[in-house]
């Protein structure tokens, strides 16, 4: 259910970012009886969604940290619906452009929250496939708005149909719990335990995973990378920053497209974009580590297990040690006293 809800949010994002490519032919038609956009206004209409997304990333960061992904989605989805309605019923060009900006702002709140939510609730064995559905769904949103735009509809009617993808996720998010990893950072351990039980099988023992997440959340340093490569306590900020850079690139390429075509021609412009994409693929292959089959804690803090070798099981940690160790049972953990060779006093670990 969670994957379906997050996929609908990504489909909405795809429709928002591809909306201008489908509707601009109507808006730039000199014979139109509706709002008319000149070349400068058309370029602004196409790129304002990215500029709004840049502003939205600055807002999504504190929201994700303080409210969590679930509440951020519940805040952003109604505003995206309002932005679609404003766009569809805009009487003036400036209000149309403002609606486009707000639509981008809400999309930059929703897409990182949806990605981060699915990333943090997914089991390591299926995390890659589930996150792959997010990219697929966003591209599917572009296909959906293209198919709608091919129908004999006005751009206002296309906008109203796209608003449907803001309504459906609201209903689904209400029935989902918060991310267990975010709950742990808020010291809401009982809710985190219940959330893990909700997202795993009924026979799954969540205590070892809960213990790993708790240990990793105590680490206060951030190291760069994708959402998977960042520790829990700074993943929201890092993902927001990456989204900001992505949207800045989108705004730059969209707003300068007409100038690029004028300078290089259509073929030259697409060759420029293709070479840039190839360079990014090479950087990804050479510079990013493999994450398949690994937990988020293993990825972001690779020395965590070496530092903390004991794991939670039932009501105590279990470990095998040499004959020099004496086990002292406690209510929630086990403490080991180790007599090191050449010393008289035991050392507690």
Protein backbone atom coordinates (compact mmCIF):
# COMPACT_ATOMS: atom_id res chain seq x y z
CA UNK A 1 0.00 0.00 0.00
CA UNK A 2 2.80 2.42 0.92
CA UNK A 3 4.53 1.85 -2.41
CA UNK A 4 1.29 2.54 -4.31
CA UNK A 5 0.66 5.78 -2.43
CA UNK A 6 4.22 7.02 -2.94
CA UNK A 7 4.01 6.01 -6.63
CA UNK A 8 0.89 8.17 -7.06
CA UNK A 9 2.80 11.12 -5.61
CA UNK A 10 5.61 10.55 -8.12
CA UNK A 11 3.08 10.32 -10.96
CA UNK A 12 1.74 13.71 -9.85
CA UNK A 13 5.27 15.12 -9.94
CA UNK A 14 5.73 13.78 -13.46
CA UNK A 15 2.53 15.44 -14.64
CA UNK A 16 3.56 18.75 -13.05
CA UNK A 17 7.01 18.87 -14.63
CA UNK A 18 5.81 17.74 -18.07
CA UNK A 19 2.62 19.84 -18.11
CA UNK A 20 4.21 22.80 -19.90
CA UNK A 21 5.55 20.69 -22.77
CA UNK A 22 2.04 19.44 -23.52
CA UNK A 23 0.10 22.69 -23.10
CA UNK A 24 2.47 25.38 -24.39
CA UNK A 25 1.43 24.84 -28.04
CA UNK A 26 -2.07 26.03 -27.08
CA UNK A 27 -0.80 28.89 -24.93
CA UNK A 28 1.59 30.21 -27.60
CA UNK A 29 -0.97 30.01 -30.42
CA UNK A 30 -1.63 33.57 -31.58
CA UNK A 31 -5.17 32.57 -32.59
CA UNK A 32 -6.10 31.41 -29.09
CA UNK A 33 -9.04 33.00 -27.35
CA UNK A 34 -7.57 32.10 -23.95
CA UNK A 35 -4.41 33.40 -22.26
CA UNK A 36 -1.55 33.98 -24.69
CA UNK A 37 2.14 33.63 -23.76
CA UNK A 38 4.92 35.28 -25.73
CA UNK A 39 8.30 33.45 -26.08
CA UNK A 40 9.70 34.99 -22.90
CA UNK A 41 6.57 34.17 -20.90
CA UNK A 42 6.53 30.65 -22.37
CA UNK A 43 10.14 30.03 -21.29
CA UNK A 44 9.28 31.34 -17.82
CA UNK A 45 6.17 29.14 -17.62
CA UNK A 46 8.22 26.08 -18.47
CA UNK A 47 11.01 26.78 -15.99
CA UNK A 48 9.15 28.33 -13.04
CA UNK A 49 8.22 24.89 -11.73
CA UNK A 50 11.93 24.18 -11.26
CA UNK A 51 12.55 27.55 -9.62
CA UNK A 52 9.65 26.90 -7.26
CA UNK A 53 11.14 23.50 -6.51
CA UNK A 54 14.42 25.16 -5.49
CA UNK A 55 12.51 27.31 -3.00
CA UNK A 56 10.56 24.28 -1.83
CA UNK A 57 13.68 22.34 -0.90
CA UNK A 58 14.56 25.07 1.62
CA UNK A 59 11.13 24.54 3.16
CA UNK A 60 11.09 20.73 2.98
CA UNK A 61 14.29 20.32 5.00
CA UNK A 62 12.94 21.61 8.36
CA UNK A 63 9.56 20.03 7.71
CA UNK A 64 11.07 16.59 7.15
CA UNK A 65 13.22 16.89 10.27
CA UNK A 66 10.52 18.23 12.60
CA UNK A 67 7.32 16.74 11.20
CA UNK A 68 8.60 13.61 9.48
CA UNK A 69 7.76 12.39 5.99
CA UNK A 70 4.14 11.49 6.68
CA UNK A 71 3.07 14.88 8.03
CA UNK A 72 5.10 16.68 5.36
CA UNK A 73 3.08 14.81 2.74
CA UNK A 74 -0.17 15.69 4.50
CA UNK A 75 0.86 19.37 4.46
CA UNK A 76 2.08 19.44 0.86
CA UNK A 77 -0.64 17.46 -0.91
CA UNK A 78 -3.52 19.93 -0.21
CA UNK A 79 -1.33 22.82 -1.39
CA UNK A 80 -0.52 20.98 -4.61
CA UNK A 81 -4.24 20.45 -5.19
CA UNK A 82 -4.82 24.18 -4.61
CA UNK A 83 -2.02 25.01 -7.06
CA UNK A 84 -3.59 22.84 -9.76
CA UNK A 85 -6.98 24.51 -9.27
CA UNK A 86 -5.39 27.96 -9.35
CA UNK A 87 -3.61 27.09 -12.58
CA UNK A 88 -6.74 25.68 -14.19
CA UNK A 89 -8.87 28.74 -13.34
CA UNK A 90 -6.24 31.48 -13.71
CA UNK A 91 -7.76 34.63 -15.25
CA UNK A 92 -4.42 36.38 -15.77
CA UNK A 93 -0.91 35.48 -16.91
CA UNK A 94 0.79 36.49 -13.67
CA UNK A 95 -1.54 34.26 -11.61
CA UNK A 96 -0.87 31.42 -14.04
CA UNK A 97 2.87 31.84 -13.53
CA UNK A 98 2.43 32.06 -9.75
CA UNK A 99 0.43 28.83 -9.74
CA UNK A 100 3.20 27.18 -11.72
CA UNK A 101 5.77 28.37 -9.16
CA UNK A 102 3.70 27.09 -6.21
CA UNK A 103 3.20 23.78 -8.00
CA UNK A 104 6.96 23.37 -8.21
CA UNK A 105 7.34 24.37 -4.56
CA UNK A 106 4.90 21.68 -3.42
CA UNK A 107 6.47 19.07 -5.70
CA UNK A 108 9.86 19.62 -4.05
CA UNK A 109 8.20 19.02 -0.69
CA UNK A 110 6.41 15.87 -1.82
CA UNK A 111 8.96 14.01 -3.92
CA UNK A 112 11.82 13.98 -1.33
CA UNK A 113 9.33 13.05 1.40
CA UNK A 114 7.93 10.19 -0.69
CA UNK A 115 11.38 8.93 -1.67
CA UNK A 116 12.71 9.19 1.87
CA UNK A 117 9.64 7.49 3.33
CA UNK A 118 9.89 4.52 1.00
CA UNK A 119 13.66 4.35 1.46
CA UNK A 120 13.38 4.15 5.24
CA UNK A 121 10.54 1.62 5.45
CA UNK A 122 11.87 -0.79 2.79
CA UNK A 123 13.59 -4.02 3.68
CA UNK A 124 17.08 -4.29 2.24
CA UNK A 125 16.13 -7.23 0.00
CA UNK A 126 13.49 -5.29 -1.95
CA UNK A 127 14.60 -1.68 -1.40
CA UNK A 128 16.17 -1.33 -4.85
CA UNK A 129 13.06 -2.56 -6.64
CA UNK A 130 10.74 -0.34 -4.64
CA UNK A 131 12.86 2.77 -5.20
CA UNK A 132 13.00 1.88 -8.89
CA UNK A 133 9.22 2.17 -9.00
CA UNK A 134 9.57 5.81 -7.93
CA UNK A 135 11.58 6.72 -11.02
CA UNK A 136 9.26 4.63 -13.17
CA UNK A 137 6.19 6.33 -11.69
CA UNK A 138 7.60 9.82 -12.25
CA UNK A 139 8.24 9.00 -15.91
CA UNK A 140 4.80 7.43 -16.10
CA UNK A 141 3.37 10.76 -14.95
CA UNK A 142 4.99 12.42 -17.95
CA UNK A 143 3.42 9.80 -20.20
CA UNK A 144 0.02 10.27 -18.56
CA UNK A 145 -0.04 14.04 -19.08
CA UNK A 146 1.12 13.55 -22.67
CA UNK A 147 -1.74 11.13 -23.33
CA UNK A 148 -4.23 13.51 -21.70
CA UNK A 149 -2.81 16.39 -23.74
CA UNK A 150 -3.33 14.45 -26.97
CA UNK A 151 -7.08 14.47 -26.33
CA UNK A 152 -9.24 17.34 -27.66
CA UNK A 153 -9.09 19.18 -24.34
CA UNK A 154 -8.05 22.69 -23.37
CA UNK A 155 -5.02 23.21 -21.18
CA UNK A 156 -7.34 24.14 -18.32
CA UNK A 157 -9.13 20.80 -18.58
CA UNK A 158 -5.77 19.00 -18.66
CA UNK A 159 -4.81 20.77 -15.43
CA UNK A 160 -8.05 19.70 -13.74
CA UNK A 161 -7.48 16.07 -14.71
CA UNK A 162 -3.92 16.21 -13.38
CA UNK A 163 -5.22 17.47 -10.02
CA UNK A 164 -6.76 14.04 -9.42
CA UNK A 165 -3.29 12.72 -8.59
CA UNK A 166 -3.21 15.11 -5.61
CA UNK A 167 -6.44 13.78 -4.15
CA UNK A 168 -5.78 10.03 -4.17
CA UNK A 169 -2.51 10.06 -2.15
CA UNK A 170 -4.10 12.14 0.63
CA UNK A 171 -6.51 9.31 1.35
CA UNK A 172 -3.73 6.73 1.38
CA UNK A 173 -1.26 8.62 3.61
CA UNK A 174 -3.84 8.81 6.42
CA UNK A 175 -3.64 5.02 6.83
CA UNK A 176 0.16 4.81 6.94
CA UNK A 177 2.35 5.14 10.08
CA UNK A 178 5.42 7.33 10.35
CA UNK A 179 8.80 6.03 9.27
CA UNK A 180 10.34 3.93 12.08
CA UNK A 181 13.73 5.56 11.52
CA UNK A 182 12.29 9.06 11.91
CA UNK A 183 10.39 7.95 15.02
CA UNK A 184 13.63 6.72 16.58
CA UNK A 185 15.28 10.09 16.02
CA UNK A 186 12.35 11.56 17.99
CA UNK A 187 12.81 8.98 20.81
CA UNK A 188 9.38 7.49 20.11
CA UNK A 189 10.54 3.90 20.48
CA UNK A 190 7.18 2.21 21.02
CA UNK A 191 5.76 3.79 17.85
CA UNK A 192 8.90 2.81 15.94
CA UNK A 193 8.45 -0.79 17.06
CA UNK A 194 4.80 -0.74 15.95
CA UNK A 195 5.75 0.81 12.58
CA UNK A 196 8.32 -1.93 11.91
CA UNK A 197 5.73 -4.57 12.73
CA UNK A 198 3.30 -2.85 10.35
CA UNK A 199 5.75 -2.90 7.42
CA UNK A 200 7.19 -6.39 8.01
CA UNK A 201 5.68 -9.88 8.18
CA UNK A 202 3.86 -10.93 11.34
CA UNK A 203 6.59 -13.51 12.04
CA UNK A 204 9.37 -10.90 11.73
CA UNK A 205 11.37 -10.03 14.87
CA UNK A 206 11.88 -6.23 14.67
CA UNK A 207 14.16 -5.93 17.71
CA UNK A 208 17.53 -6.52 15.96
CA UNK A 209 16.66 -4.01 13.23
CA UNK A 210 15.36 -1.57 15.82
CA UNK A 211 18.63 -1.84 17.73
CA UNK A 212 20.72 -1.24 14.58
CA UNK A 213 18.71 1.86 13.69
CA UNK A 214 19.03 3.21 17.22
CA UNK A 215 22.82 2.81 17.19
CA UNK A 216 23.15 4.45 13.79
CA UNK A 217 20.91 7.38 14.76
CA UNK A 218 23.35 8.28 17.54
CA UNK A 219 26.07 9.12 14.99
CA UNK A 220 26.17 12.90 14.49
CA UNK A 221 28.37 13.27 11.40
CA UNK A 222 27.13 13.45 7.83
CA UNK A 223 28.84 12.01 4.76
CA UNK A 224 27.67 12.85 1.25
CA UNK A 225 26.02 10.73 -1.38
CA UNK A 226 22.53 9.71 -2.35
CA UNK A 227 19.67 9.22 0.08
CA UNK A 228 20.85 5.69 0.80
CA UNK A 229 24.39 6.81 1.62
CA UNK A 230 23.40 9.33 4.30
CA UNK A 231 22.96 8.59 8.02
CA UNK A 232 19.43 8.71 9.42
CA UNK A 233 19.91 11.93 11.40
CA UNK A 234 20.94 13.99 8.35
CA UNK A 235 19.29 12.12 5.50
CA UNK A 236 16.44 14.64 5.18
CA UNK A 237 18.83 17.58 4.89
CA UNK A 238 21.08 15.80 2.41
CA UNK A 239 18.22 14.67 0.20
CA UNK A 240 16.77 18.20 0.20
CA UNK A 241 20.14 19.59 -0.87
CA UNK A 242 20.44 17.06 -3.70
CA UNK A 243 16.90 17.90 -4.84
CA UNK A 244 17.77 21.61 -4.78
CA UNK A 245 20.78 21.05 -7.05
CA UNK A 246 18.68 18.90 -9.38
CA UNK A 247 16.00 21.57 -9.68
CA UNK A 248 18.55 24.33 -10.22
CA UNK A 249 19.88 22.33 -13.15
CA UNK A 250 16.35 21.82 -14.45
CA UNK A 251 15.55 25.52 -14.21
CA UNK A 252 18.79 26.48 -15.98
CA UNK A 253 18.34 24.02 -18.83
CA UNK A 254 14.64 24.85 -19.30
CA UNK A 255 15.04 28.62 -19.18
CA UNK A 256 18.04 28.64 -21.53
CA UNK A 257 16.68 26.06 -23.97
CA UNK A 258 15.60 28.60 -26.58
CA UNK A 259 18.97 30.35 -26.36
CA UNK A 260 20.80 27.02 -26.66
CA UNK A 261 18.79 26.08 -29.75
CA UNK A 262 19.46 29.50 -31.27
CA UNK A 263 23.20 29.08 -30.70
CA UNK A 264 23.68 25.37 -31.48
CA UNK A 265 20.54 24.33 -33.34
CA UNK A 266 18.24 21.51 -32.26
CA UNK A 267 20.83 18.83 -33.01
CA UNK A 268 23.57 20.67 -31.12
CA UNK A 269 21.34 21.23 -28.10
CA UNK A 270 20.46 17.56 -27.81
CA UNK A 271 24.09 16.54 -28.34
CA UNK A 272 25.02 18.84 -25.45
CA UNK A 273 22.40 17.25 -23.19
CA UNK A 274 23.43 13.73 -24.26
CA UNK A 275 27.12 14.29 -23.54
CA UNK A 276 26.26 15.74 -20.11
CA UNK A 277 24.16 12.64 -19.32
CA UNK A 278 26.97 10.30 -20.40
CA UNK A 279 29.44 12.12 -18.16
CA UNK A 280 27.07 11.76 -15.20
CA UNK A 281 26.76 8.00 -15.85
CA UNK A 282 30.55 7.66 -15.85
CA UNK A 283 30.82 9.59 -12.57
CA UNK A 284 28.13 7.38 -11.01
CA UNK A 285 29.88 4.18 -12.09
CA UNK A 286 33.28 5.28 -10.83
CA UNK A 287 32.31 7.22 -7.72
CA UNK A 288 29.28 5.55 -6.08
CA UNK A 289 29.41 2.45 -3.91
CA UNK A 290 27.12 -0.55 -4.34
CA UNK A 291 24.10 -0.58 -1.98
CA UNK A 292 22.24 -3.70 -3.12
CA UNK A 293 21.42 -6.16 -0.34
CA UNK A 294 22.72 -3.91 2.45
CA UNK A 295 20.78 -2.18 5.21
CA UNK A 296 20.79 1.60 5.43
CA UNK A 297 22.82 1.35 8.63
CA UNK A 298 25.48 -0.81 6.95
CA UNK A 299 25.72 1.61 4.02
CA UNK A 300 25.92 4.90 5.89
CA UNK A 301 28.07 3.65 8.78
CA UNK A 302 30.15 0.72 7.49
CA UNK A 303 32.11 0.34 10.73
CA UNK A 304 29.04 0.19 12.91
CA UNK A 305 29.06 -3.59 13.32
CA UNK A 306 32.76 -3.65 14.03
CA UNK A 307 32.26 -1.11 16.80
CA UNK A 308 29.09 -2.64 18.24
CA UNK A 309 29.22 -6.41 17.82
CA UNK A 310 26.39 -7.33 20.16
CA UNK A 311 22.84 -7.52 18.83
CA UNK A 312 19.51 -7.28 20.59
CA UNK A 313 17.43 -10.47 20.82
CA UNK A 314 14.46 -10.79 23.14
CA UNK A 315 15.39 -8.90 26.33
CA UNK A 316 19.18 -9.24 26.27
CA UNK A 317 22.21 -9.11 23.95
CA UNK A 318 23.76 -12.47 23.09
CA UNK A 319 27.42 -12.99 22.37
CA UNK A 320 30.02 -15.72 22.58
CA UNK A 321 33.21 -14.87 24.35
CA UNK A 322 36.30 -16.71 25.70
CA UNK A 323 36.61 -18.35 29.09
CA UNK A 324 38.03 -15.10 30.52
CA UNK A 325 34.59 -13.43 30.22
CA UNK A 326 31.86 -13.46 32.90
CA UNK A 327 28.31 -12.68 31.94
CA UNK A 328 26.22 -10.36 34.09
CA UNK A 329 22.53 -10.43 33.17
CA UNK A 330 20.52 -7.25 33.23
CA UNK A 331 16.93 -6.36 32.43
CA UNK A 332 17.45 -5.06 28.88
CA UNK A 333 21.03 -5.93 27.96
CA UNK A 334 24.07 -7.99 28.89
CA UNK A 335 27.33 -6.48 30.14
CA UNK A 336 30.58 -8.39 29.71
CA UNK A 337 33.53 -8.10 32.07
CA UNK A 338 36.73 -9.13 30.31
CA UNK A 339 40.00 -9.94 32.08
CA UNK A 340 42.72 -9.00 29.60
CA UNK A 341 46.00 -10.93 29.55
CA UNK A 342 48.62 -9.34 31.84
CA UNK A 343 46.05 -7.35 33.82
CA UNK A 344 44.33 -7.93 37.14
CA UNK A 345 41.26 -5.73 36.82
CA UNK A 346 38.43 -6.75 34.49
CA UNK A 347 37.38 -4.32 31.78
CA UNK A 348 33.66 -3.77 31.15
CA UNK A 349 32.49 -3.71 27.51
